[in-house]
Amino acid sequence: MKLTSDDKAVLSALADRAGAMIDQTVAWSNLNSGSRHLAGLERQADVLFPVLQSLPGVAERVGLLDSQEVTATGEVRAMAHADGLRLTVRPDAPVQIALTGHYDTVYPADSPFQTVARRADGALHGPGVADMKGGLSVMLAALAAFEAHPLAPGLGYQVLISPDEEIGSVASAPLLAALGERAQLGLTYEPALASGALAAGRKGSGNFHIVVRGRAAHAGRDFAAGRNAVTAAARLANALDGINGAFPGLTLNVARIEGGAPLNQVPDLAIVRFNVRLPDARARAFVEGEISRLLRAAEADGISLSLHGGVTRPPKPFSPEQQALFSGVRQVGALIGQDIVWAESGGVCEGNNLFAAGVPNVDSLGVRGGDIHSEAEHAFPESFVERAQLSALLLIKIAEGGIDAPGLKAARLAALRQEAG
């Protein structure tokens, strides 16, 4: 692979857009779009959608089905979601790419962390500047610049920007799966790791909720007639924690126990909420079996349990086809003086979903920064042009054939067939 004069023109155009990308990110990050803040999400979608429309192809707002959530009272209710935003460009082109991102953040409507400021070191400090409104600016700028390249007509792509990534893509998962069916490679715009590295292998993840119901009774007059849901939940939580260490690389985090009653009442409700992280499919089968076993063991006279949730992000190991793709990314980075490195990550993202659908992908092409999911979240301004240039050049070299998208997709599908037996 080498740089052509057309390549250099695209890179130069992106260098000229540095200020615009940063200003756009600041404006977007000043809009609260927490995953459960529907009004804020709608405002963010209204701002994003015209940017998609400015690109060629067909832009559309896609309504998502309600998902389910377990309330603090143990009831299962519908949870509404904002629209997914999708752009389809040249669907009949010989090479097809999926680009994904999300416009929700982890900061709720009442979070004190609402606006962007500049730190003393020049970094942008604000909600979503790295995860991932900065990444969205990078992705969309790279696409706009790529469209001016002579090779653009040979590359088709779909962009999906979802409103629910931070809560597990519970509603947009079907759209991601459909995206994976047609795409040969995926590019996702989560922030780079704190070191600037790309994420290589990722564990899978699942969120579970166990509703424990007992029998209420007066704590003094009729204690023996009661069945204490809180103590049953505590015993179950302790047993679940005991799964840690039983399978290499598997972790189970009991995050919350809710419920209870007044101090003079035997409580009849508790909810145990926990997350699992899975290195591979065997770990998933193991932990699901253990959870079922512990639920059966916890059933008792007057104590009933119901399980909700599950694994929403399958594992994404650093497989041979992923290694081949990352080798290509490293070569592309070298053309513009970027030393591309990667490291394992315990986090999860839409790249997990794409990989499960058979799509090799790079899922941390967003800006460099750090402290995501905290009030110290930040992004480094110089990384906007850096990452946009890397993305645009990746698209060019995929269109050129320097990165063999069809071959990598075929290798991934062959691996899936082998895994299925």
Protein backbone atom coordinates (compact mmCIF):
# COMPACT_ATOMS: atom_id res chain seq x y z
CA MET A 1 0.00 0.00 0.00
CA LYS A 2 1.11 3.55 -0.71
CA LEU A 3 -0.25 7.08 -0.56
CA THR A 4 -1.51 8.59 -3.81
CA SER A 5 -2.15 12.22 -4.63
CA ASP A 6 -5.89 11.55 -4.31
CA ASP A 7 -5.32 10.04 -0.86
CA LYS A 8 -3.36 13.10 0.20
CA ALA A 9 -6.14 15.41 -0.95
CA VAL A 10 -8.59 13.60 1.34
CA LEU A 11 -6.18 13.81 4.26
CA SER A 12 -5.63 17.52 3.65
CA ALA A 13 -9.37 18.17 3.57
CA LEU A 14 -9.71 16.54 6.98
CA ALA A 15 -6.86 18.57 8.43
CA ASP A 16 -8.81 21.67 7.41
CA ARG A 17 -11.85 20.41 9.34
CA ALA A 18 -10.15 20.14 12.74
CA GLY A 19 -11.93 23.10 14.29
CA ALA A 20 -15.30 22.15 12.81
CA MET A 21 -15.10 18.61 14.22
CA ILE A 22 -14.24 19.90 17.69
CA ASP A 23 -16.94 22.58 17.66
CA GLN A 24 -19.50 20.01 16.52
CA THR A 25 -18.52 17.63 19.32
CA VAL A 26 -18.77 20.36 21.94
CA ALA A 27 -22.24 21.34 20.73
CA TRP A 28 -23.41 17.72 20.73
CA SER A 29 -21.91 16.99 24.15
CA ASN A 30 -23.72 19.98 25.61
CA LEU A 31 -26.98 18.16 24.80
CA ASN A 32 -27.80 15.62 27.49
CA SER A 33 -28.66 12.31 25.86
CA GLY A 34 -28.58 9.81 28.68
CA SER A 35 -29.81 6.37 27.61
CA ARG A 36 -33.12 6.77 29.46
CA HIS A 37 -33.63 10.47 28.76
CA LEU A 38 -36.00 10.21 25.79
CA ALA A 39 -36.49 13.94 25.29
CA GLY A 40 -32.73 14.52 25.28
CA LEU A 41 -32.17 11.63 22.90
CA GLU A 42 -34.77 13.03 20.52
CA ARG A 43 -33.05 16.43 20.56
CA GLN A 44 -29.71 14.78 19.81
CA ALA A 45 -31.22 12.72 16.98
CA ASP A 46 -32.75 15.86 15.48
CA VAL A 47 -29.28 17.43 15.34
CA LEU A 48 -27.52 14.33 14.01
CA PHE A 49 -29.97 13.40 11.30
CA PRO A 50 -29.27 16.35 8.98
CA VAL A 51 -25.57 15.44 9.04
CA LEU A 52 -26.45 11.97 7.76
CA GLN A 53 -28.68 13.54 5.12
CA SER A 54 -25.76 15.62 3.88
CA LEU A 55 -24.01 12.42 2.77
CA PRO A 56 -25.07 10.52 -0.37
CA GLY A 57 -27.53 7.65 -0.09
CA VAL A 58 -30.72 7.21 1.88
CA ALA A 59 -30.95 8.43 5.48
CA GLU A 60 -33.78 7.20 7.69
CA ARG A 61 -34.96 7.24 11.27
CA VAL A 62 -35.75 3.69 12.37
CA GLY A 63 -38.21 3.14 15.18
CA LEU A 64 -37.07 0.58 17.74
CA LEU A 65 -39.28 -1.87 19.57
CA ASP A 66 -39.72 -1.46 23.30
CA SER A 67 -37.43 -3.55 25.47
CA GLN A 68 -38.24 -4.83 28.95
CA GLU A 69 -36.92 -3.74 32.31
CA VAL A 70 -37.38 -5.07 35.83
CA THR A 71 -38.54 -2.31 38.16
CA ALA A 72 -37.63 -1.86 41.82
CA THR A 73 -41.00 -3.44 42.67
CA GLY A 74 -40.14 -6.60 40.76
CA GLU A 75 -42.53 -5.92 37.89
CA VAL A 76 -41.55 -6.27 34.24
CA ARG A 77 -42.51 -3.26 32.16
CA ALA A 78 -41.90 -1.94 28.67
CA MET A 79 -39.10 0.57 28.14
CA ALA A 80 -39.38 2.87 25.12
CA HIS A 81 -36.39 3.96 23.05
CA ALA A 82 -35.52 6.80 20.71
CA ASP A 83 -34.96 6.15 17.01
CA GLY A 84 -31.98 4.50 15.44
CA LEU A 85 -30.42 6.57 12.65
CA ARG A 86 -29.40 4.69 9.52
CA LEU A 87 -27.72 5.73 6.29
CA THR A 88 -27.40 3.40 3.28
CA VAL A 89 -24.94 4.34 0.55
CA ARG A 90 -24.36 2.35 -2.66
CA PRO A 91 -25.93 -0.95 -1.50
CA ASP A 92 -25.02 -2.64 -4.80
CA ALA A 93 -21.29 -1.86 -4.64
CA PRO A 94 -19.00 -4.93 -4.60
CA VAL A 95 -17.53 -4.14 -1.19
CA GLN A 96 -19.80 -3.35 1.78
CA ILE A 97 -18.79 -1.82 5.11
CA ALA A 98 -20.75 -1.29 8.34
CA LEU A 99 -20.01 1.80 10.44
CA THR A 100 -21.61 2.05 13.85
CA GLY A 101 -21.80 4.42 16.76
CA HIS A 102 -24.18 5.57 19.46
CA TYR A 103 -25.60 8.88 20.56
CA ASP A 104 -26.63 7.92 24.08
CA THR A 105 -24.39 8.53 27.08
CA VAL A 106 -24.25 7.22 30.64
CA TYR A 107 -25.15 10.61 32.15
CA PRO A 108 -28.85 10.94 33.15
CA ALA A 109 -30.92 14.06 32.73
CA ASP A 110 -30.28 15.13 36.33
CA SER A 111 -26.51 14.53 36.22
CA PRO A 112 -24.47 17.52 37.42
CA PHE A 113 -22.06 16.80 34.54
CA GLN A 114 -23.78 18.62 31.66
CA THR A 115 -21.40 20.86 29.69
CA VAL A 116 -17.98 20.88 28.07
CA ALA A 117 -15.02 22.89 29.29
CA ARG A 118 -11.32 23.06 28.41
CA ARG A 119 -8.81 21.64 30.88
CA ALA A 120 -5.53 23.38 31.59
CA ASP A 121 -3.77 20.87 29.31
CA GLY A 122 -6.14 21.73 26.43
CA ALA A 123 -8.22 18.56 26.64
CA LEU A 124 -11.98 18.75 26.17
CA HIS A 125 -13.68 17.82 29.43
CA GLY A 126 -17.35 16.98 29.15
CA PRO A 127 -20.09 14.34 28.96
CA GLY A 128 -19.74 12.19 25.87
CA VAL A 129 -16.77 14.03 24.34
CA ALA A 130 -14.94 10.72 24.05
CA ASP A 131 -17.75 8.17 24.43
CA MET A 132 -18.77 8.85 21.82
CA LYS A 133 -19.86 12.15 20.37
CA GLY A 134 -16.26 12.80 19.45
CA GLY A 135 -16.25 9.44 17.71
CA LEU A 136 -19.39 10.34 15.75
CA SER A 137 -17.76 13.57 14.56
CA VAL A 138 -14.70 11.61 13.43
CA MET A 139 -16.79 8.99 11.60
CA LEU A 140 -19.00 11.46 9.76
CA ALA A 141 -16.11 13.73 8.79
CA ALA A 142 -14.15 10.75 7.45
CA LEU A 143 -17.11 9.65 5.33
CA ALA A 144 -17.64 13.13 3.91
CA ALA A 145 -13.97 13.38 2.95
CA PHE A 146 -13.90 9.85 1.51
CA GLU A 147 -16.76 10.70 -0.85
CA ALA A 148 -14.43 13.05 -2.76
CA HIS A 149 -12.03 10.17 -3.58
CA PRO A 150 -12.18 8.55 -7.05
CA LEU A 151 -12.46 5.07 -5.47
CA ALA A 152 -15.59 5.92 -3.48
CA PRO A 153 -18.05 4.53 -6.06
CA GLY A 154 -16.66 1.02 -5.51
CA LEU A 155 -17.44 0.99 -1.80
CA GLY A 156 -20.91 0.77 -0.28
CA TYR A 157 -21.70 1.20 3.38
CA GLN A 158 -24.37 1.42 6.01
CA VAL A 159 -24.09 3.69 9.02
CA LEU A 160 -26.10 2.88 12.15
CA ILE A 161 -26.16 5.33 15.06
CA SER A 162 -28.05 3.84 17.99
CA PRO A 163 -29.68 5.34 21.12
CA ASP A 164 -29.10 2.43 23.52
CA GLU A 165 -25.50 1.18 23.36
CA GLU A 166 -24.76 2.17 26.94
CA ILE A 167 -27.53 -0.13 28.19
CA GLY A 168 -26.47 -3.12 26.09
CA SER A 169 -28.06 -2.34 22.69
CA VAL A 170 -31.17 -4.07 23.99
CA ALA A 171 -33.39 -2.53 21.30
CA SER A 172 -30.93 -1.95 18.46
CA ALA A 173 -29.44 -5.47 18.53
CA PRO A 174 -31.66 -6.68 15.64
CA LEU A 175 -30.49 -3.76 13.50
CA LEU A 176 -26.87 -4.60 14.27
CA ALA A 177 -27.46 -8.23 13.32
CA ALA A 178 -29.04 -7.19 10.02
CA LEU A 179 -26.12 -4.85 9.40
CA GLY A 180 -23.76 -7.77 9.93
CA GLU A 181 -25.53 -9.93 7.37
CA ARG A 182 -24.68 -7.59 4.50
CA ALA A 183 -21.36 -6.08 5.62
CA GLN A 184 -17.93 -7.57 5.00
CA LEU A 185 -16.05 -5.41 7.52
CA GLY A 186 -17.08 -3.20 10.41
CA LEU A 187 -15.76 0.10 11.77
CA THR A 188 -17.04 1.27 15.17
CA TYR A 189 -16.21 4.53 16.88
CA GLU A 190 -15.79 3.81 20.56
CA PRO A 191 -12.88 5.82 22.00
CA ALA A 192 -9.42 4.38 21.83
CA LEU A 193 -8.06 2.87 25.04
CA ALA A 194 -6.49 5.32 27.47
CA SER A 195 -3.05 4.55 26.03
CA GLY A 196 -4.25 5.35 22.51
CA ALA A 197 -4.31 1.67 21.60
CA LEU A 198 -7.11 -0.02 19.71
CA ALA A 199 -9.14 -2.67 21.50
CA ALA A 200 -8.20 -6.15 20.30
CA GLY A 201 -10.13 -8.99 21.95
CA ARG A 202 -13.18 -8.16 24.03
CA LYS A 203 -15.05 -10.29 26.53
CA GLY A 204 -18.77 -10.85 26.21
CA SER A 205 -21.23 -9.37 28.68
CA GLY A 206 -24.66 -9.99 30.11
CA ASN A 207 -26.90 -8.29 32.67
CA PHE A 208 -29.18 -10.40 34.84
CA HIS A 209 -31.96 -9.61 37.32
CA ILE A 210 -33.38 -12.18 39.75
CA VAL A 211 -36.65 -11.28 41.47
CA VAL A 212 -36.90 -13.05 44.84
CA ARG A 213 -40.37 -13.24 46.40
CA GLY A 214 -41.09 -14.41 49.92
CA ARG A 215 -43.98 -14.02 52.36
CA ALA A 216 -44.63 -10.89 54.41
CA ALA A 217 -45.36 -11.18 58.13
CA HIS A 218 -45.19 -9.11 61.31
CA ALA A 219 -41.62 -9.29 62.62
CA GLY A 220 -42.78 -9.65 66.25
CA ARG A 221 -46.20 -11.26 66.34
CA ASP A 222 -45.83 -13.73 63.46
CA PHE A 223 -42.15 -13.92 62.50
CA ALA A 224 -42.19 -17.68 61.87
CA ALA A 225 -44.94 -17.34 59.27
CA GLY A 226 -42.81 -15.01 57.16
CA ARG A 227 -40.35 -15.98 54.45
CA ASN A 228 -37.56 -13.42 54.21
CA ALA A 229 -36.82 -12.46 50.61
CA VAL A 230 -33.87 -10.26 51.56
CA THR A 231 -31.95 -12.99 53.38
CA ALA A 232 -32.74 -15.41 50.53
CA ALA A 233 -31.39 -12.83 48.09
CA ALA A 234 -28.27 -12.33 50.21
CA ARG A 235 -27.57 -16.07 50.26
CA LEU A 236 -28.10 -16.21 46.51
CA ALA A 237 -25.81 -13.21 45.93
CA ASN A 238 -23.09 -14.87 47.96
CA ALA A 239 -23.48 -18.09 45.97
CA LEU A 240 -23.33 -16.17 42.69
CA ASP A 241 -20.15 -14.45 43.82
CA GLY A 242 -18.69 -17.90 44.43
CA ILE A 243 -18.75 -18.53 40.67
CA ASN A 244 -15.75 -16.20 40.36
CA GLY A 245 -12.57 -18.22 39.90
CA ALA A 246 -14.42 -21.31 38.72
CA PHE A 247 -13.75 -20.67 35.01
CA PRO A 248 -10.67 -18.90 33.59
CA GLY A 249 -11.39 -15.31 32.62
CA LEU A 250 -15.01 -15.37 33.77
CA THR A 251 -16.15 -12.70 36.23
CA LEU A 252 -19.53 -12.16 37.87
CA ASN A 253 -20.22 -8.85 39.58
CA VAL A 254 -23.16 -8.67 41.98
CA ALA A 255 -23.88 -4.97 41.61
CA ARG A 256 -27.07 -4.34 43.56
CA ILE A 257 -29.65 -5.89 45.88
CA GLU A 258 -32.93 -3.99 46.07
CA GLY A 259 -36.10 -4.52 48.08
CA GLY A 260 -36.83 -4.83 51.75
CA ALA A 261 -39.58 -3.66 54.06
CA PRO A 262 -40.12 -1.67 57.28
CA LEU A 263 -38.04 -2.95 60.19
CA ASN A 264 -41.08 -4.50 61.83
CA GLN A 265 -42.02 -6.56 58.77
CA VAL A 266 -40.51 -9.71 57.24
CA PRO A 267 -39.69 -8.52 53.70
CA ASP A 268 -41.35 -10.35 50.82
CA LEU A 269 -39.39 -8.85 47.91
CA ALA A 270 -35.76 -8.47 46.87
CA ILE A 271 -34.02 -8.14 43.52
CA VAL A 272 -30.48 -9.27 42.81
CA ARG A 273 -28.84 -7.56 39.83
CA PHE A 274 -25.52 -8.71 38.41
CA ASN A 275 -23.26 -8.58 35.37
CA VAL A 276 -21.13 -11.34 33.86
CA ARG A 277 -18.06 -10.99 31.63
CA LEU A 278 -17.25 -13.94 29.38
CA PRO A 279 -14.01 -14.78 27.57
CA ASP A 280 -15.61 -17.28 25.17
CA ALA A 281 -18.66 -19.38 24.33
CA ARG A 282 -17.65 -22.14 26.75
CA ALA A 283 -17.65 -19.62 29.60
CA ARG A 284 -21.13 -18.51 28.61
CA ALA A 285 -22.46 -22.07 28.70
CA PHE A 286 -20.77 -22.62 32.07
CA VAL A 287 -22.13 -19.52 33.78
CA GLU A 288 -25.65 -19.96 32.42
CA GLY A 289 -25.63 -23.50 33.76
CA GLU A 290 -24.37 -22.34 37.15
CA ILE A 291 -27.00 -19.62 37.41
CA SER A 292 -29.75 -22.17 36.69
CA ARG A 293 -28.31 -24.53 39.30
CA LEU A 294 -28.17 -21.83 41.97
CA LEU A 295 -31.73 -20.73 41.22
CA ARG A 296 -32.98 -24.27 41.74
CA ALA A 297 -31.01 -24.55 44.98
CA ALA A 298 -32.45 -21.25 46.28
CA GLU A 299 -36.07 -22.31 45.82
CA ALA A 300 -37.61 -23.08 49.22
CA ASP A 301 -40.89 -23.16 51.08
CA GLY A 302 -42.44 -19.75 50.47
CA ILE A 303 -39.47 -18.48 48.41
CA SER A 304 -39.82 -18.20 44.63
CA LEU A 305 -37.41 -16.76 42.10
CA SER A 306 -37.67 -15.51 38.51
CA LEU A 307 -34.73 -14.77 36.21
CA HIS A 308 -34.67 -11.93 33.70
CA GLY A 309 -32.05 -10.57 31.32
CA GLY A 310 -29.18 -12.46 29.77
CA VAL A 311 -26.10 -12.14 27.58
CA THR A 312 -26.48 -9.28 25.11
CA ARG A 313 -22.87 -9.00 23.92
CA PRO A 314 -21.24 -12.27 22.82
CA PRO A 315 -17.46 -12.57 23.26
CA LYS A 316 -15.18 -11.10 20.61
CA PRO A 317 -11.85 -12.95 20.75
CA PHE A 318 -8.78 -11.77 18.85
CA SER A 319 -9.26 -14.44 16.19
CA PRO A 320 -7.03 -15.04 13.14
CA GLU A 321 -9.26 -12.94 10.89
CA GLN A 322 -9.24 -10.13 13.47
CA GLN A 323 -5.46 -10.33 13.62
CA ALA A 324 -5.26 -10.10 9.82
CA LEU A 325 -7.53 -7.04 9.81
CA PHE A 326 -5.50 -5.31 12.52
CA SER A 327 -2.32 -6.00 10.56
CA GLY A 328 -3.90 -4.13 7.66
CA VAL A 329 -4.90 -1.25 9.93
CA ARG A 330 -1.32 -1.05 11.18
CA GLN A 331 -0.06 -0.79 7.59
CA VAL A 332 -2.55 1.96 6.81
CA GLY A 333 -1.57 3.85 9.96
CA ALA A 334 2.10 3.64 9.02
CA LEU A 335 1.35 5.46 5.75
CA ILE A 336 0.48 8.57 7.76
CA GLY A 337 2.99 8.16 10.55
CA GLN A 338 0.62 6.59 13.08
CA ASP A 339 2.00 3.68 15.10
CA ILE A 340 -1.08 1.49 15.55
CA VAL A 341 -0.99 -0.81 18.58
CA TRP A 342 -3.70 -2.77 20.31
CA ALA A 343 -4.51 -4.37 23.64
CA GLU A 344 -7.16 -6.61 25.18
CA SER A 345 -10.19 -4.93 26.71
CA GLY A 346 -12.68 -6.04 29.34
CA GLY A 347 -15.23 -3.60 27.94
CA VAL A 348 -17.90 -4.42 25.39
CA CYS A 349 -19.55 -2.55 22.53
CA GLU A 350 -21.38 -2.90 19.22
CA GLY A 351 -18.25 -4.54 17.80
CA ASN A 352 -19.19 -7.62 19.82
CA ASN A 353 -22.55 -7.75 18.05
CA LEU A 354 -21.02 -7.31 14.60
CA PHE A 355 -18.47 -10.02 15.27
CA ALA A 356 -21.19 -12.43 16.37
CA ALA A 357 -22.97 -11.70 13.08
CA GLY A 358 -19.86 -12.73 11.16
CA VAL A 359 -18.19 -9.37 10.58
CA PRO A 360 -14.52 -8.77 11.39
CA ASN A 361 -14.27 -5.26 12.78
CA VAL A 362 -12.22 -2.56 14.45
CA ASP A 363 -14.31 -1.04 17.22
CA SER A 364 -12.21 1.69 18.85
CA LEU A 365 -11.61 4.12 16.00
CA GLY A 366 -12.88 7.10 17.99
CA VAL A 367 -10.88 9.85 19.64
CA ARG A 368 -8.14 9.46 22.20
CA GLY A 369 -9.09 10.43 25.72
CA GLY A 370 -9.98 8.76 28.97
CA ASP A 371 -11.99 8.52 32.19
CA ILE A 372 -15.12 7.59 30.25
CA HIS A 373 -18.27 6.89 32.28
CA SER A 374 -17.11 9.39 34.91
CA GLU A 375 -17.24 13.12 35.50
CA ALA A 376 -13.58 13.29 34.47
CA GLU A 377 -14.32 12.16 30.88
CA HIS A 378 -12.06 13.92 28.41
CA ALA A 379 -10.80 13.87 24.82
CA PHE A 380 -7.64 15.24 23.27
CA PRO A 381 -8.38 17.77 20.46
CA GLU A 382 -5.41 16.72 18.32
CA SER A 383 -6.81 13.21 18.04
CA PHE A 384 -9.84 14.31 16.00
CA VAL A 385 -7.93 14.88 12.77
CA GLU A 386 -5.61 11.97 13.55
CA ARG A 387 -8.49 9.49 13.86
CA ALA A 388 -10.53 10.93 11.00
CA GLN A 389 -7.54 10.62 8.67
CA LEU A 390 -6.99 7.02 9.77
CA SER A 391 -10.64 6.17 9.09
CA ALA A 392 -10.77 7.87 5.71
CA LEU A 393 -7.57 6.14 4.61
CA LEU A 394 -8.92 2.80 5.83
CA LEU A 395 -11.99 3.29 3.65
CA ILE A 396 -9.78 4.18 0.69
CA LYS A 397 -7.53 1.14 1.09
CA ILE A 398 -10.53 -1.17 1.59
CA ALA A 399 -12.01 0.18 -1.65
CA GLU A 400 -8.62 -0.23 -3.31
CA GLY A 401 -8.32 -3.86 -2.15
CA GLY A 402 -5.30 -3.29 0.08
CA ILE A 403 -7.44 -4.67 2.90
CA ASP A 404 -9.35 -7.69 1.59
CA ALA A 405 -12.83 -7.19 3.02
CA PRO A 406 -14.52 -10.08 1.15
CA GLY A 407 -11.72 -12.48 2.08
CA LEU A 408 -11.82 -11.53 5.76
CA LYS A 409 -15.60 -11.94 5.88
CA ALA A 410 -15.32 -15.37 4.25
CA ALA A 411 -12.73 -16.42 6.82
CA ARG A 412 -14.96 -15.26 9.68
CA LEU A 413 -17.99 -17.15 8.34
CA ALA A 414 -15.87 -20.29 7.93
CA ALA A 415 -14.78 -19.96 11.56
CA LEU A 416 -18.42 -19.62 12.65
CA ARG A 417 -19.35 -22.77 10.80
CA GLN A 418 -16.49 -24.62 12.44
CA GLU A 419 -17.49 -23.36 15.89
CA ALA A 420 -21.05 -24.56 15.25
CA GLY A 421 -19.69 -28.06 14.59
